Amino acid sequence: MAALNRRSQATLSVSKSVKTCDFIISVRTIILCVGNNSTIFKTPTPSLVYIADTLSNLETANITNSGSESCMADLNLKYDTALKAVKDLLSYVQTIVDNAEDEITATSIINASGFGLTDIATKIKVSFVL
């Protein structure tokens, strides 16, 4: 019989239906949380400055969006760039979580990052001895 082990996972809730301004606010919160916890997140990858720059570009494109095809294409490109940067940061945070010594520490790291938290149940194969 396999045993279950719990594992914390950092999450980012985004979908195309989320408004761009809501996405920007949630990512700025994550930047603030990671920046305020520099003892945990020593060298964020990508840098928080880079992520903030991609958000500023996205915000500018969102404000100047006239609804034309070229404006929408530019907005989508800037959104995809910002989303990739945040996903890369999520990956960085998850690496730190995976190296945490216990589940409580892992959960506190995710909470400190500003990302969402999900517990994943994983099966552990128990060796069978006669």
Foldseek 3Di string as FASTA:
>chain_A
DWDKDKAKAFAADDDPPDDLVVVLVLVVVLLVLCVVPCVLVVQQPPHSVVLVVLSVQLVVLVVPQPPDPVSVVSNVVSVVVNVVRVVSRSVVLRVSLVPDPDRVVSVVSSVSSSTDMDMDMDIDDDDDDD
